[in-house]
C-alpha atoms as a PDB file:
ATOM      1  CA  MET A   1      -8.306 -12.313 -13.817  1.00  0.00           C
ATOM      2  CA  GLY A   2      -5.730 -11.364 -15.782  1.00  0.00           C
ATOM      3  CA  LYS A   3      -2.286 -10.965 -15.276  1.00  0.00           C
ATOM      4  CA  GLY A   4      -0.546  -7.951 -13.795  1.00  0.00           C
ATOM      5  CA  ARG A   5       3.391  -6.958 -14.766  1.00  0.00           C
ATOM      6  CA  PHE A   6       4.319  -8.754 -11.380  1.00  0.00           C
ATOM      7  CA  SER A   7       4.447 -11.940  -9.399  1.00  0.00           C
ATOM      8  CA  LEU A   8       2.391 -11.646  -5.860  1.00  0.00           C
ATOM      9  CA  ASN A   9       6.186 -12.894  -4.420  1.00  0.00           C
ATOM     10  CA  TYR A  10       7.605 -10.151  -5.886  1.00  0.00           C
ATOM     11  CA  VAL A  11       5.368  -7.427  -4.248  1.00  0.00           C
ATOM     12  CA  ARG A  12       5.529  -8.948  -1.326  1.00  0.00           C
ATOM     13  CA  GLU A  13       9.729  -8.590  -1.418  1.00  0.00           C
ATOM     14  CA  ILE A  14       8.957  -4.724  -2.315  1.00  0.00           C
ATOM     15  CA  LYS A  15       6.530  -4.681   0.502  1.00  0.00           C
ATOM     16  CA  LYS A  16       9.793  -5.922   3.158  1.00  0.00           C
ATOM     17  CA  LEU A  17      12.253  -3.440   1.633  1.00  0.00           C
ATOM     18  CA  LEU A  18       9.306  -0.259   1.672  1.00  0.00           C
ATOM     19  CA  LEU A  19       8.297  -0.825   5.263  1.00  0.00           C
ATOM     20  CA  GLU A  20      12.643  -0.814   6.103  1.00  0.00           C
ATOM     21  CA  ILE A  21      12.710   2.817   4.834  1.00  0.00           C
ATOM     22  CA  PHE A  22       9.180   3.818   5.274  1.00  0.00           C
ATOM     23  CA  LYS A  23       8.482   4.407   8.967  1.00  0.00           C
ATOM     24  CA  ASN A  24       5.993   7.268  10.195  1.00  0.00           C
ATOM     25  CA  SER A  25       3.783   7.362  13.509  1.00  0.00           C
ATOM     26  CA  LYS A  26       0.467   7.079  11.169  1.00  0.00           C
ATOM     27  CA  MET A  27       0.722   4.146   9.714  1.00  0.00           C
ATOM     28  CA  VAL A  28      -1.387   1.635  11.605  1.00  0.00           C
ATOM     29  CA  GLY A  29      -0.806  -1.249   8.937  1.00  0.00           C
ATOM     30  CA  CYS A  30       0.510  -2.251   5.023  1.00  0.00           C
ATOM     31  CA  GLY A  31      -1.351  -4.499   3.216  1.00  0.00           C
ATOM     32  CA  ILE A  32      -1.002  -5.726  -0.726  1.00  0.00           C
ATOM     33  CA  SER A  33      -4.391  -5.589  -2.551  1.00  0.00           C
ATOM     34  CA  ARG A  34      -4.872  -5.416  -6.826  1.00  0.00           C
ATOM     35  CA  LEU A  35      -5.369  -1.626  -7.753  1.00  0.00           C
ATOM     36  CA  LYS A  36      -8.820  -2.320  -9.280  1.00  0.00           C
ATOM     37  CA  THR A  37      -9.793  -3.336  -5.925  1.00  0.00           C
ATOM     38  CA  MET A  38      -8.042   0.037  -4.487  1.00  0.00           C
ATOM     39  CA  ASP A  39      -8.882   2.584  -7.266  1.00  0.00           C
ATOM     40  CA  PRO A  40     -11.140   1.511 -10.150  1.00  0.00           C
ATOM     41  CA  SER A  41      -9.243   4.447 -12.206  1.00  0.00           C
ATOM     42  CA  PHE A  42      -6.258   2.734 -12.691  1.00  0.00           C
ATOM     43  CA  ALA A  43      -5.463   1.222 -15.914  1.00  0.00           C
ATOM     44  CA  ASP A  44      -3.552  -1.539 -15.285  1.00  0.00           C
ATOM     45  CA  GLY A  45      -5.825  -2.978 -12.730  1.00  0.00           C
ATOM     46  CA  ASP A  46      -4.717  -6.658 -12.292  1.00  0.00           C
ATOM     47  CA  ASP A  47      -1.322  -5.313 -11.561  1.00  0.00           C
ATOM     48  CA  TYR A  48      -0.649  -5.474  -7.341  1.00  0.00           C
ATOM     49  CA  CYS A  49       0.245  -2.257  -5.093  1.00  0.00           C
ATOM     50  CA  ILE A  50       1.356  -2.333  -1.835  1.00  0.00           C
ATOM     51  CA  VAL A  51      -1.368  -0.554   0.067  1.00  0.00           C
ATOM     52  CA  ILE A  52      -0.342   2.076   3.402  1.00  0.00           C
ATOM     53  CA  ASN A  53      -3.045   2.556   6.387  1.00  0.00           C
ATOM     54  CA  LEU A  54      -2.777   5.400   8.054  1.00  0.00           C
ATOM     55  CA  SER A  55      -4.502   6.727  11.212  1.00  0.00           C
ATOM     56  CA  GLU A  56      -4.921   9.976  10.069  1.00  0.00           C
ATOM     57  CA  PRO A  57      -3.526  12.326   6.531  1.00  0.00           C
ATOM     58  CA  LEU A  58       0.112  12.770   6.334  1.00  0.00           C
ATOM     59  CA  SER A  59       1.411  16.194   6.005  1.00  0.00           C
ATOM     60  CA  ASP A  60       2.897  17.568   2.583  1.00  0.00           C
ATOM     61  CA  GLU A  61       6.209  15.708   3.272  1.00  0.00           C
ATOM     62  CA  SER A  62       7.001  13.835   0.002  1.00  0.00           C
ATOM     63  CA  TYR A  63       6.167   9.935   0.207  1.00  0.00           C
ATOM     64  CA  PRO A  64       7.162   7.457  -2.805  1.00  0.00           C
ATOM     65  CA  VAL A  65       3.474   6.509  -4.821  1.00  0.00           C
ATOM     66  CA  VAL A  66       5.502   4.345  -6.745  1.00  0.00           C
ATOM     67  CA  PHE A  67       8.404   2.009  -5.403  1.00  0.00           C
ATOM     68  CA  MET A  68      10.554  -0.012  -7.773  1.00  0.00           C
ATOM     69  CA  ASN A  69       7.740   0.130 -10.022  1.00  0.00           C
ATOM     70  CA  VAL A  70       5.539  -0.985  -7.437  1.00  0.00           C
ATOM     71  CA  GLN A  71       2.282   1.438  -6.870  1.00  0.00           C
ATOM     72  CA  VAL A  72       1.722   2.764  -3.820  1.00  0.00           C
ATOM     73  CA  LEU A  73      -1.378   3.755  -1.985  1.00  0.00           C
ATOM     74  CA  TYR A  74      -2.007   5.342   0.855  1.00  0.00           C
ATOM     75  CA  LYS A  75      -5.761   5.118   3.016  1.00  0.00           C
ATOM     76  CA  VAL A  76      -6.177   7.189   5.790  1.00  0.00           C
ATOM     77  CA  VAL A  77      -8.675   4.288   7.886  1.00  0.00           C
ATOM     78  CA  GLY A  78      -8.252   5.846  11.467  1.00  0.00           C
ATOM     79  CA  LYS A  79      -6.942   4.601  15.180  1.00  0.00           C
ATOM     80  CA  ILE A  80      -6.561   0.435  15.166  1.00  0.00           C
ATOM     81  CA  TYR A  81      -7.608  -0.502  18.386  1.00  0.00           C
ATOM     82  CA  PRO A  82      -7.294  -3.889  19.636  1.00  0.00           C
ATOM     83  CA  GLN A  83     -10.606  -5.885  19.894  1.00  0.00           C
ATOM     84  CA  LYS A  84     -12.110  -6.461  23.188  1.00  0.00           C
ATOM     85  CA  LYS A  85     -12.763  -9.947  23.917  1.00  0.00           C
END
């Protein structure tokens, strides 16, 4: 695997800042992944990205697709429920 532009620790800090700003009731999770894992069409596939998981699609409101030079992807995964034991 190649080397991306940003370290994982840098992207973790950016994720914290983004979560302080981005508040939406449809967000069910947030993580970090490699761009090529999420979308092979990205040229800089070795870069990290922030992935925001949503219960349903966002409305037409504008949300950042790049935050402090880090790509932000939005993925609709549905509602999240606790596992039954």
